[in-house]
Amino acid sequence: MEKFTLINKARSRIKVFEPFADSSKNSPMVNAILISYGCVFKRSSKPVMKGSRVESIEDARNEYKKLLEEGWKKTYRFNSFFKKKW
């Protein structure tokens, strides 16, 4: 499962949907989605992430579908800001 980033029509808000694996369990099975949300102040700068929450896969799918119906679009513009650096 990959990470998806949506941006609103005004290009001022983003939501990032990514797999969430429970680290307390030994199995690497993903049974939830981490939804992070934030604001974009300038197109060339890093977005300011305001928070995140964990939702079931079904609830995350419903929210994703609703956002697409409202005019949000999938974007790859901010992916470089969200890469994990170990």
PDB file of N, CA and C in Angstrom:
ATOM      1  N   MET A   1       0.862  -1.176   0.000  1.00  0.00           N
ATOM      2  CA  MET A   1       0.000   0.000   0.000  1.00  0.00           C
ATOM      3  C   MET A   1       0.905   1.235   0.000  1.00  0.00           C
ATOM      4  N   GLU A   2       0.581   2.185  -0.821  1.00  0.00           N
ATOM      5  CA  GLU A   2       1.416   3.381  -0.916  1.00  0.00           C
ATOM      6  C   GLU A   2       0.766   4.586  -0.243  1.00  0.00           C
ATOM      7  N   LYS A   3       1.506   5.670  -0.202  1.00  0.00           N
ATOM      8  CA  LYS A   3       1.044   6.909   0.402  1.00  0.00           C
ATOM      9  C   LYS A   3       0.375   7.771  -0.660  1.00  0.00           C
ATOM     10  N   PHE A   4      -0.741   8.419  -0.289  1.00  0.00           N
ATOM     11  CA  PHE A   4      -1.452   9.314  -1.200  1.00  0.00           C
ATOM     12  C   PHE A   4      -1.576  10.683  -0.563  1.00  0.00           C
ATOM     13  N   THR A   5      -1.366  11.720  -1.355  1.00  0.00           N
ATOM     14  CA  THR A   5      -1.515  13.094  -0.885  1.00  0.00           C
ATOM     15  C   THR A   5      -2.588  13.779  -1.716  1.00  0.00           C
ATOM     16  N   LEU A   6      -3.556  14.403  -1.035  1.00  0.00           N
ATOM     17  CA  LEU A   6      -4.614  15.161  -1.700  1.00  0.00           C
ATOM     18  C   LEU A   6      -4.470  16.632  -1.344  1.00  0.00           C
ATOM     19  N   ILE A   7      -4.815  17.501  -2.297  1.00  0.00           N
ATOM     20  CA  ILE A   7      -4.772  18.949  -2.071  1.00  0.00           C
ATOM     21  C   ILE A   7      -6.125  19.526  -2.489  1.00  0.00           C
ATOM     22  N   ASN A   8      -6.593  20.534  -1.756  1.00  0.00           N
ATOM     23  CA  ASN A   8      -7.912  21.098  -2.058  1.00  0.00           C
ATOM     24  C   ASN A   8      -7.844  22.032  -3.272  1.00  0.00           C
ATOM     25  N   LYS A   9      -9.015  22.491  -3.706  1.00  0.00           N
ATOM     26  CA  LYS A   9      -9.107  23.347  -4.905  1.00  0.00           C
ATOM     27  C   LYS A   9      -8.293  24.623  -4.761  1.00  0.00           C
ATOM     28  N   ALA A  10      -8.315  25.229  -3.589  1.00  0.00           N
ATOM     29  CA  ALA A  10      -7.605  26.486  -3.361  1.00  0.00           C
ATOM     30  C   ALA A  10      -6.102  26.282  -3.163  1.00  0.00           C
ATOM     31  N   ARG A  11      -5.673  25.023  -3.145  1.00  0.00           N
ATOM     32  CA  ARG A  11      -4.265  24.669  -2.919  1.00  0.00           C
ATOM     33  C   ARG A  11      -3.729  25.214  -1.594  1.00  0.00           C
ATOM     34  N   SER A  12      -4.594  25.219  -0.579  1.00  0.00           N
ATOM     35  CA  SER A  12      -4.187  25.743   0.719  1.00  0.00           C
ATOM     36  C   SER A  12      -4.165  24.675   1.810  1.00  0.00           C
ATOM     37  N   ARG A  13      -4.774  23.518   1.547  1.00  0.00           N
ATOM     38  CA  ARG A  13      -4.814  22.446   2.540  1.00  0.00           C
ATOM     39  C   ARG A  13      -4.453  21.118   1.893  1.00  0.00           C
ATOM     40  N   ILE A  14      -3.776  20.263   2.664  1.00  0.00           N
ATOM     41  CA  ILE A  14      -3.442  18.939   2.164  1.00  0.00           C
ATOM     42  C   ILE A  14      -3.816  17.885   3.200  1.00  0.00           C
ATOM     43  N   LYS A  15      -4.008  16.677   2.704  1.00  0.00           N
ATOM     44  CA  LYS A  15      -4.209  15.507   3.561  1.00  0.00           C
ATOM     45  C   LYS A  15      -3.357  14.384   2.985  1.00  0.00           C
ATOM     46  N   VAL A  16      -2.648  13.697   3.871  1.00  0.00           N
ATOM     47  CA  VAL A  16      -1.781  12.600   3.475  1.00  0.00           C
ATOM     48  C   VAL A  16      -2.351  11.313   4.069  1.00  0.00           C
ATOM     49  N   PHE A  17      -2.601  10.340   3.222  1.00  0.00           N
ATOM     50  CA  PHE A  17      -3.115   9.034   3.631  1.00  0.00           C
ATOM     51  C   PHE A  17      -1.989   8.027   3.477  1.00  0.00           C
ATOM     52  N   GLU A  18      -1.603   7.361   4.582  1.00  0.00           N
ATOM     53  CA  GLU A  18      -0.539   6.366   4.509  1.00  0.00           C
ATOM     54  C   GLU A  18      -0.842   5.177   5.415  1.00  0.00           C
ATOM     55  N   PRO A  19      -0.299   4.006   5.077  1.00  0.00           N
ATOM     56  CA  PRO A  19      -0.566   2.814   5.879  1.00  0.00           C
ATOM     57  C   PRO A  19      -0.049   2.985   7.303  1.00  0.00           C
ATOM     58  N   PHE A  20      -0.765   2.404   8.244  1.00  0.00           N
ATOM     59  CA  PHE A  20      -0.371   2.455   9.650  1.00  0.00           C
ATOM     60  C   PHE A  20      -0.322   1.033  10.174  1.00  0.00           C
ATOM     61  N   ALA A  21       0.857   0.590  10.524  1.00  0.00           N
ATOM     62  CA  ALA A  21       1.032  -0.745  11.071  1.00  0.00           C
ATOM     63  C   ALA A  21       1.236  -0.631  12.574  1.00  0.00           C
ATOM     64  N   ASP A  22       0.521  -1.418  13.320  1.00  0.00           N
ATOM     65  CA  ASP A  22       0.627  -1.416  14.778  1.00  0.00           C
ATOM     66  C   ASP A  22       1.959  -2.049  15.173  1.00  0.00           C
ATOM     67  N   SER A  23       2.851  -1.282  15.745  1.00  0.00           N
ATOM     68  CA  SER A  23       4.180  -1.789  16.097  1.00  0.00           C
ATOM     69  C   SER A  23       4.156  -2.702  17.319  1.00  0.00           C
ATOM     70  N   SER A  24       3.050  -2.734  18.051  1.00  0.00           N
ATOM     71  CA  SER A  24       2.983  -3.595  19.228  1.00  0.00           C
ATOM     72  C   SER A  24       2.722  -5.057  18.856  1.00  0.00           C
ATOM     73  N   LYS A  25       2.331  -5.300  17.616  1.00  0.00           N
ATOM     74  CA  LYS A  25       2.080  -6.663  17.147  1.00  0.00           C
ATOM     75  C   LYS A  25       3.259  -7.142  16.314  1.00  0.00           C
ATOM     76  N   ASN A  26       3.472  -8.420  16.298  1.00  0.00           N
ATOM     77  CA  ASN A  26       4.591  -8.982  15.542  1.00  0.00           C
ATOM     78  C   ASN A  26       4.322  -9.057  14.047  1.00  0.00           C
ATOM     79  N   SER A  27       3.075  -9.107  13.651  1.00  0.00           N
ATOM     80  CA  SER A  27       2.765  -9.217  12.223  1.00  0.00           C
ATOM     81  C   SER A  27       2.795  -7.840  11.571  1.00  0.00           C
ATOM     82  N   PRO A  28       3.359  -7.752  10.369  1.00  0.00           N
ATOM     83  CA  PRO A  28       3.446  -6.461   9.679  1.00  0.00           C
ATOM     84  C   PRO A  28       2.164  -6.089   8.929  1.00  0.00           C
ATOM     85  N   MET A  29       1.050  -6.684   9.296  1.00  0.00           N
ATOM     86  CA  MET A  29      -0.204  -6.443   8.594  1.00  0.00           C
ATOM     87  C   MET A  29      -0.731  -5.033   8.877  1.00  0.00           C
ATOM     88  N   VAL A  30      -1.164  -4.359   7.821  1.00  0.00           N
ATOM     89  CA  VAL A  30      -1.710  -3.015   7.951  1.00  0.00           C
ATOM     90  C   VAL A  30      -3.222  -3.126   8.098  1.00  0.00           C
ATOM     91  N   ASN A  31      -3.752  -2.598   9.190  1.00  0.00           N
ATOM     92  CA  ASN A  31      -5.198  -2.661   9.391  1.00  0.00           C
ATOM     93  C   ASN A  31      -5.781  -1.289   9.678  1.00  0.00           C
ATOM     94  N   ALA A  32      -4.992  -0.254   9.444  1.00  0.00           N
ATOM     95  CA  ALA A  32      -5.460   1.108   9.672  1.00  0.00           C
ATOM     96  C   ALA A  32      -4.697   2.069   8.762  1.00  0.00           C
ATOM     97  N   ILE A  33      -5.221   3.273   8.646  1.00  0.00           N
ATOM     98  CA  ILE A  33      -4.612   4.313   7.815  1.00  0.00           C
ATOM     99  C   ILE A  33      -4.332   5.539   8.693  1.00  0.00           C
ATOM    100  N   LEU A  34      -3.140   6.099   8.562  1.00  0.00           N
ATOM    101  CA  LEU A  34      -2.778   7.337   9.245  1.00  0.00           C
ATOM    102  C   LEU A  34      -3.111   8.487   8.305  1.00  0.00           C
ATOM    103  N   ILE A  35      -3.957   9.402   8.757  1.00  0.00           N
ATOM    104  CA  ILE A  35      -4.334  10.571   7.960  1.00  0.00           C
ATOM    105  C   ILE A  35      -3.723  11.798   8.619  1.00  0.00           C
ATOM    106  N   SER A  36      -2.783  12.431   7.929  1.00  0.00           N
ATOM    107  CA  SER A  36      -2.160  13.661   8.411  1.00  0.00           C
ATOM    108  C   SER A  36      -2.742  14.822   7.628  1.00  0.00           C
ATOM    109  N   TYR A  37      -2.903  15.959   8.271  1.00  0.00           N
ATOM    110  CA  TYR A  37      -3.490  17.100   7.585  1.00  0.00           C
ATOM    111  C   TYR A  37      -2.718  18.365   7.930  1.00  0.00           C
ATOM    112  N   GLY A  38      -2.695  19.292   6.967  1.00  0.00           N
ATOM    113  CA  GLY A  38      -1.935  20.508   7.169  1.00  0.00           C
ATOM    114  C   GLY A  38      -2.315  21.605   6.204  1.00  0.00           C
ATOM    115  N   CYS A  39      -1.561  22.703   6.294  1.00  0.00           N
ATOM    116  CA  CYS A  39      -1.810  23.900   5.483  1.00  0.00           C
ATOM    117  C   CYS A  39      -0.611  24.172   4.586  1.00  0.00           C
ATOM    118  N   VAL A  40      -0.907  24.748   3.426  1.00  0.00           N
ATOM    119  CA  VAL A  40       0.134  25.148   2.486  1.00  0.00           C
ATOM    120  C   VAL A  40       0.086  26.666   2.403  1.00  0.00           C
ATOM    121  N   PHE A  41       1.201  27.320   2.764  1.00  0.00           N
ATOM    122  CA  PHE A  41       1.234  28.777   2.734  1.00  0.00           C
ATOM    123  C   PHE A  41       1.872  29.297   1.454  1.00  0.00           C
ATOM    124  N   LYS A  42       2.914  28.631   0.991  1.00  0.00           N
ATOM    125  CA  LYS A  42       3.551  28.979  -0.280  1.00  0.00           C
ATOM    126  C   LYS A  42       3.803  27.692  -1.032  1.00  0.00           C
ATOM    127  N   ARG A  43       3.601  27.724  -2.328  1.00  0.00           N
ATOM    128  CA  ARG A  43       3.755  26.507  -3.133  1.00  0.00           C
ATOM    129  C   ARG A  43       5.165  25.944  -3.072  1.00  0.00           C
ATOM    130  N   SER A  44       6.147  26.778  -2.869  1.00  0.00           N
ATOM    131  CA  SER A  44       7.535  26.315  -2.895  1.00  0.00           C
ATOM    132  C   SER A  44       8.066  25.914  -1.524  1.00  0.00           C
ATOM    133  N   SER A  45       7.267  26.063  -0.488  1.00  0.00           N
ATOM    134  CA  SER A  45       7.764  25.741   0.855  1.00  0.00           C
ATOM    135  C   SER A  45       7.106  24.481   1.396  1.00  0.00           C
ATOM    136  N   LYS A  46       7.678  23.981   2.454  1.00  0.00           N
ATOM    137  CA  LYS A  46       7.163  22.780   3.098  1.00  0.00           C
ATOM    138  C   LYS A  46       5.823  23.089   3.757  1.00  0.00           C
ATOM    139  N   PRO A  47       4.829  22.213   3.596  1.00  0.00           N
ATOM    140  CA  PRO A  47       3.536  22.449   4.246  1.00  0.00           C
ATOM    141  C   PRO A  47       3.664  22.325   5.765  1.00  0.00           C
ATOM    142  N   VAL A  48       2.816  23.036   6.465  1.00  0.00           N
ATOM    143  CA  VAL A  48       2.791  22.985   7.925  1.00  0.00           C
ATOM    144  C   VAL A  48       1.745  21.958   8.321  1.00  0.00           C
ATOM    145  N   MET A  49       2.201  20.859   8.887  1.00  0.00           N
ATOM    146  CA  MET A  49       1.288  19.793   9.284  1.00  0.00           C
ATOM    147  C   MET A  49       0.712  20.128  10.652  1.00  0.00           C
ATOM    148  N   LYS A  50      -0.608  20.083  10.738  1.00  0.00           N
ATOM    149  CA  LYS A  50      -1.315  20.479  11.958  1.00  0.00           C
ATOM    150  C   LYS A  50      -1.631  19.312  12.880  1.00  0.00           C
ATOM    151  N   GLY A  51      -1.759  18.118  12.315  1.00  0.00           N
ATOM    152  CA  GLY A  51      -2.093  16.977  13.152  1.00  0.00           C
ATOM    153  C   GLY A  51      -2.287  15.724  12.335  1.00  0.00           C
ATOM    154  N   SER A  52      -2.635  14.658  13.035  1.00  0.00           N
ATOM    155  CA  SER A  52      -2.893  13.389  12.364  1.00  0.00           C
ATOM    156  C   SER A  52      -3.812  12.543  13.226  1.00  0.00           C
ATOM    157  N   ARG A  53      -4.389  11.541  12.579  1.00  0.00           N
ATOM    158  CA  ARG A  53      -5.252  10.610  13.296  1.00  0.00           C
ATOM    159  C   ARG A  53      -5.212   9.268  12.587  1.00  0.00           C
ATOM    160  N   VAL A  54      -5.566   8.227  13.303  1.00  0.00           N
ATOM    161  CA  VAL A  54      -5.593   6.883  12.739  1.00  0.00           C
ATOM    162  C   VAL A  54      -7.049   6.472  12.562  1.00  0.00           C
ATOM    163  N   GLU A  55      -7.370   6.008  11.360  1.00  0.00           N
ATOM    164  CA  GLU A  55      -8.741   5.595  11.027  1.00  0.00           C
ATOM    165  C   GLU A  55      -8.709   4.168  10.488  1.00  0.00           C
ATOM    166  N   SER A  56      -9.843   3.503  10.555  1.00  0.00           N
ATOM    167  CA  SER A  56      -9.949   2.185   9.936  1.00  0.00           C
ATOM    168  C   SER A  56      -9.824   2.359   8.427  1.00  0.00           C
ATOM    169  N   ILE A  57      -9.491   1.284   7.744  1.00  0.00           N
ATOM    170  CA  ILE A  57      -9.323   1.361   6.292  1.00  0.00           C
ATOM    171  C   ILE A  57     -10.624   1.800   5.627  1.00  0.00           C
ATOM    172  N   GLU A  58     -11.738   1.277   6.094  1.00  0.00           N
ATOM    173  CA  GLU A  58     -13.036   1.622   5.494  1.00  0.00           C
ATOM    174  C   GLU A  58     -13.370   3.113   5.699  1.00  0.00           C
ATOM    175  N   ASP A  59     -13.152   3.638   6.908  1.00  0.00           N
ATOM    176  CA  ASP A  59     -13.417   5.058   7.165  1.00  0.00           C
ATOM    177  C   ASP A  59     -12.495   5.950   6.343  1.00  0.00           C
ATOM    178  N   ALA A  60     -11.239   5.541   6.190  1.00  0.00           N
ATOM    179  CA  ALA A  60     -10.290   6.317   5.391  1.00  0.00           C
ATOM    180  C   ALA A  60     -10.706   6.324   3.919  1.00  0.00           C
ATOM    181  N   ARG A  61     -11.160   5.194   3.422  1.00  0.00           N
ATOM    182  CA  ARG A  61     -11.641   5.129   2.032  1.00  0.00           C
ATOM    183  C   ARG A  61     -12.830   6.050   1.819  1.00  0.00           C
ATOM    184  N   ASN A  62     -13.754   6.042   2.771  1.00  0.00           N
ATOM    185  CA  ASN A  62     -14.925   6.914   2.654  1.00  0.00           C
ATOM    186  C   ASN A  62     -14.521   8.390   2.655  1.00  0.00           C
ATOM    187  N   GLU A  63     -13.579   8.759   3.532  1.00  0.00           N
ATOM    188  CA  GLU A  63     -13.127  10.160   3.567  1.00  0.00           C
ATOM    189  C   GLU A  63     -12.411  10.524   2.271  1.00  0.00           C
ATOM    190  N   TYR A  64     -11.565   9.631   1.775  1.00  0.00           N
ATOM    191  CA  TYR A  64     -10.835   9.865   0.526  1.00  0.00           C
ATOM    192  C   TYR A  64     -11.823  10.086  -0.624  1.00  0.00           C
ATOM    193  N   LYS A  65     -12.819   9.227  -0.708  1.00  0.00           N
ATOM    194  CA  LYS A  65     -13.836   9.343  -1.764  1.00  0.00           C
ATOM    195  C   LYS A  65     -14.597  10.654  -1.647  1.00  0.00           C
ATOM    196  N   LYS A  66     -14.964  11.036  -0.417  1.00  0.00           N
ATOM    197  CA  LYS A  66     -15.702  12.286  -0.192  1.00  0.00           C
ATOM    198  C   LYS A  66     -14.871  13.498  -0.613  1.00  0.00           C
ATOM    199  N   LEU A  67     -13.584  13.486  -0.283  1.00  0.00           N
ATOM    200  CA  LEU A  67     -12.710  14.602  -0.658  1.00  0.00           C
ATOM    201  C   LEU A  67     -12.591  14.713  -2.180  1.00  0.00           C
ATOM    202  N   LEU A  68     -12.473  13.580  -2.870  1.00  0.00           N
ATOM    203  CA  LEU A  68     -12.407  13.620  -4.335  1.00  0.00           C
ATOM    204  C   LEU A  68     -13.691  14.193  -4.926  1.00  0.00           C
ATOM    205  N   GLU A  69     -14.823  13.845  -4.337  1.00  0.00           N
ATOM    206  CA  GLU A  69     -16.102  14.381  -4.803  1.00  0.00           C
ATOM    207  C   GLU A  69     -16.202  15.889  -4.569  1.00  0.00           C
ATOM    208  N   GLU A  70     -15.525  16.389  -3.527  1.00  0.00           N
ATOM    209  CA  GLU A  70     -15.534  17.827  -3.225  1.00  0.00           C
ATOM    210  C   GLU A  70     -14.555  18.607  -4.103  1.00  0.00           C
ATOM    211  N   GLY A  71     -13.772  17.911  -4.914  1.00  0.00           N
ATOM    212  CA  GLY A  71     -12.858  18.609  -5.819  1.00  0.00           C
ATOM    213  C   GLY A  71     -11.397  18.541  -5.419  1.00  0.00           C
ATOM    214  N   TRP A  72     -11.055  17.827  -4.363  1.00  0.00           N
ATOM    215  CA  TRP A  72      -9.653  17.651  -3.999  1.00  0.00           C
ATOM    216  C   TRP A  72      -8.986  16.827  -5.091  1.00  0.00           C
ATOM    217  N   LYS A  73      -7.691  17.052  -5.306  1.00  0.00           N
ATOM    218  CA  LYS A  73      -6.956  16.339  -6.343  1.00  0.00           C
ATOM    219  C   LYS A  73      -5.737  15.651  -5.738  1.00  0.00           C
ATOM    220  N   LYS A  74      -5.366  14.537  -6.352  1.00  0.00           N
ATOM    221  CA  LYS A  74      -4.172  13.815  -5.941  1.00  0.00           C
ATOM    222  C   LYS A  74      -2.953  14.603  -6.413  1.00  0.00           C
ATOM    223  N   THR A  75      -1.929  14.692  -5.581  1.00  0.00           N
ATOM    224  CA  THR A  75      -0.729  15.434  -5.938  1.00  0.00           C
ATOM    225  C   THR A  75       0.511  14.685  -5.481  1.00  0.00           C
ATOM    226  N   TYR A  76       1.613  14.928  -6.169  1.00  0.00           N
ATOM    227  CA  TYR A  76       2.904  14.362  -5.778  1.00  0.00           C
ATOM    228  C   TYR A  76       3.877  15.476  -5.402  1.00  0.00           C
ATOM    229  N   ARG A  77       3.409  16.715  -5.449  1.00  0.00           N
ATOM    230  CA  ARG A  77       4.262  17.880  -5.234  1.00  0.00           C
ATOM    231  C   ARG A  77       5.010  17.850  -3.901  1.00  0.00           C
ATOM    232  N   PHE A  78       4.378  17.372  -2.852  1.00  0.00           N
ATOM    233  CA  PHE A  78       4.963  17.455  -1.513  1.00  0.00           C
ATOM    234  C   PHE A  78       5.591  16.152  -1.040  1.00  0.00           C
ATOM    235  N   ASN A  79       5.665  15.135  -1.879  1.00  0.00           N
ATOM    236  CA  ASN A  79       6.194  13.843  -1.457  1.00  0.00           C
ATOM    237  C   ASN A  79       7.622  13.924  -0.945  1.00  0.00           C
ATOM    238  N   SER A  80       8.442  14.799  -1.521  1.00  0.00           N
ATOM    239  CA  SER A  80       9.827  14.902  -1.076  1.00  0.00           C
ATOM    240  C   SER A  80       9.932  15.407   0.363  1.00  0.00           C
ATOM    241  N   PHE A  81       8.945  16.145   0.836  1.00  0.00           N
ATOM    242  CA  PHE A  81       8.967  16.646   2.204  1.00  0.00           C
ATOM    243  C   PHE A  81       8.619  15.559   3.221  1.00  0.00           C
ATOM    244  N   PHE A  82       7.920  14.513   2.783  1.00  0.00           N
ATOM    245  CA  PHE A  82       7.424  13.502   3.711  1.00  0.00           C
ATOM    246  C   PHE A  82       8.245  12.216   3.714  1.00  0.00           C
ATOM    247  N   LYS A  83       9.333  12.166   2.982  1.00  0.00           N
ATOM    248  CA  LYS A  83      10.148  10.954   2.984  1.00  0.00           C
ATOM    249  C   LYS A  83      10.807  10.801   4.346  1.00  0.00           C
ATOM    250  N   LYS A  84      10.777   9.568   4.852  1.00  0.00           N
ATOM    251  CA  LYS A  84      11.385   9.309   6.155  1.00  0.00           C
ATOM    252  C   LYS A  84      12.893   9.280   6.011  1.00  0.00           C
ATOM    253  N   LYS A  85      13.555   9.957   6.931  1.00  0.00           N
ATOM    254  CA  LYS A  85      15.016   9.996   6.927  1.00  0.00           C
ATOM    255  C   LYS A  85      15.487   9.274   8.192  1.00  0.00           C
ATOM    256  N   TRP A  86      16.148   8.176   7.994  1.00  0.00           N
ATOM    257  CA  TRP A  86      16.606   7.386   9.142  1.00  0.00           C
ATOM    258  C   TRP A  86      18.011   7.707   9.480  1.00  0.00           C
TER     259      TRP A  86
END
